[in-house]
C-alpha cells in the first residue's frame, strides 16, 4: 500500500469543496486538489462547482473511481 493510500485510510477530517470558475482559478484549484489528495489527511466528502471548477471536479471524481476510492 502506498504512503498516500495509507494516509487516506486514516483520514482525520471530511471536507466539502466549492470550486469556482475561471481559467486562472481553475489552474490554482487543480493544484490545491492535487496537494489535498497527495497529503491524505483530508477526505473529500463532496464537491460543488461551476465552469473550470466543474472540470476539476469531474477529473478528481474520475481519478478517484479509477483508483478504487469513493468519488
Protein backbone atom coordinates (compact mmCIF):
# COMPACT_ATOMS: atom_id res chain seq x y z
CA UNK A 1 0.00 0.00 0.00
CA UNK A 2 1.41 3.37 -0.98
CA UNK A 3 2.06 6.06 1.63
CA UNK A 4 -0.70 8.33 0.33
CA UNK A 5 -3.19 5.42 0.31
CA UNK A 6 -2.24 4.53 3.89
CA UNK A 7 -2.74 8.16 4.88
CA UNK A 8 -6.11 8.24 3.11
CA UNK A 9 -7.24 5.19 5.10
CA UNK A 10 -6.61 7.24 8.27
CA UNK A 11 -8.30 10.44 7.03
CA UNK A 12 -8.89 12.65 10.03
CA UNK A 13 -11.36 15.14 8.61
CA UNK A 14 -14.07 15.13 5.94
CA UNK A 15 -14.31 18.37 3.94
CA UNK A 16 -16.60 19.82 1.27
CA UNK A 17 -15.26 21.95 -1.58
CA UNK A 18 -16.96 24.70 -3.60
CA UNK A 19 -14.92 25.26 -6.76
CA UNK A 20 -15.36 28.44 -8.78
CA UNK A 21 -14.95 29.02 -12.47
CA UNK A 22 -12.38 30.99 -14.42
CA UNK A 23 -9.22 29.81 -16.14
CA UNK A 24 -6.71 31.03 -13.56
CA UNK A 25 -8.92 29.92 -10.68
CA UNK A 26 -9.25 26.51 -12.28
CA UNK A 27 -5.48 26.10 -12.55
CA UNK A 28 -4.96 27.18 -8.96
CA UNK A 29 -7.75 24.92 -7.73
CA UNK A 30 -6.29 21.90 -9.51
CA UNK A 31 -3.00 22.47 -7.67
CA UNK A 32 -4.83 22.64 -4.34
CA UNK A 33 -6.84 19.48 -5.07
CA UNK A 34 -3.65 17.70 -6.12
CA UNK A 35 -1.94 18.53 -2.81
CA UNK A 36 -5.02 17.63 -0.73
CA UNK A 37 -5.24 14.24 -2.42
CA UNK A 38 -1.49 13.67 -2.19
CA UNK A 39 -1.38 14.57 1.51
CA UNK A 40 -4.17 12.20 2.50
CA UNK A 41 -5.16 13.85 5.80
CA UNK A 42 -8.44 15.15 4.39
CA UNK A 43 -11.28 13.16 2.87
CA UNK A 44 -13.30 14.96 0.22
CA UNK A 45 -16.94 14.36 1.10
CA UNK A 46 -18.47 16.42 -1.72
CA UNK A 47 -17.69 18.98 -4.39
CA UNK A 48 -19.92 21.72 -5.77
CA UNK A 49 -18.58 23.59 -8.78
CA UNK A 50 -19.09 25.78 -11.85
CA UNK A 51 -17.21 26.25 -15.13
CA UNK A 52 -13.48 25.44 -14.76
CA UNK A 53 -14.20 24.24 -11.24
CA UNK A 54 -16.66 21.71 -12.68
CA UNK A 55 -13.95 20.35 -14.97
CA UNK A 56 -11.66 19.88 -11.97
CA UNK A 57 -14.46 18.17 -10.02
CA UNK A 58 -15.09 15.72 -12.86
CA UNK A 59 -11.38 14.96 -13.24
CA UNK A 60 -10.98 14.39 -9.50
CA UNK A 61 -14.04 12.15 -9.31
CA UNK A 62 -12.99 10.13 -12.34
CA UNK A 63 -9.48 9.62 -10.93
CA UNK A 64 -10.97 8.50 -7.61
CA UNK A 65 -13.22 5.98 -9.35
CA UNK A 66 -10.31 4.61 -11.38
CA UNK A 67 -8.20 4.19 -8.26
CA UNK A 68 -10.99 2.41 -6.38
CA UNK A 69 -11.62 5.25 -3.90
CA UNK A 70 -15.06 6.73 -3.31
CA UNK A 71 -15.71 9.55 -5.77
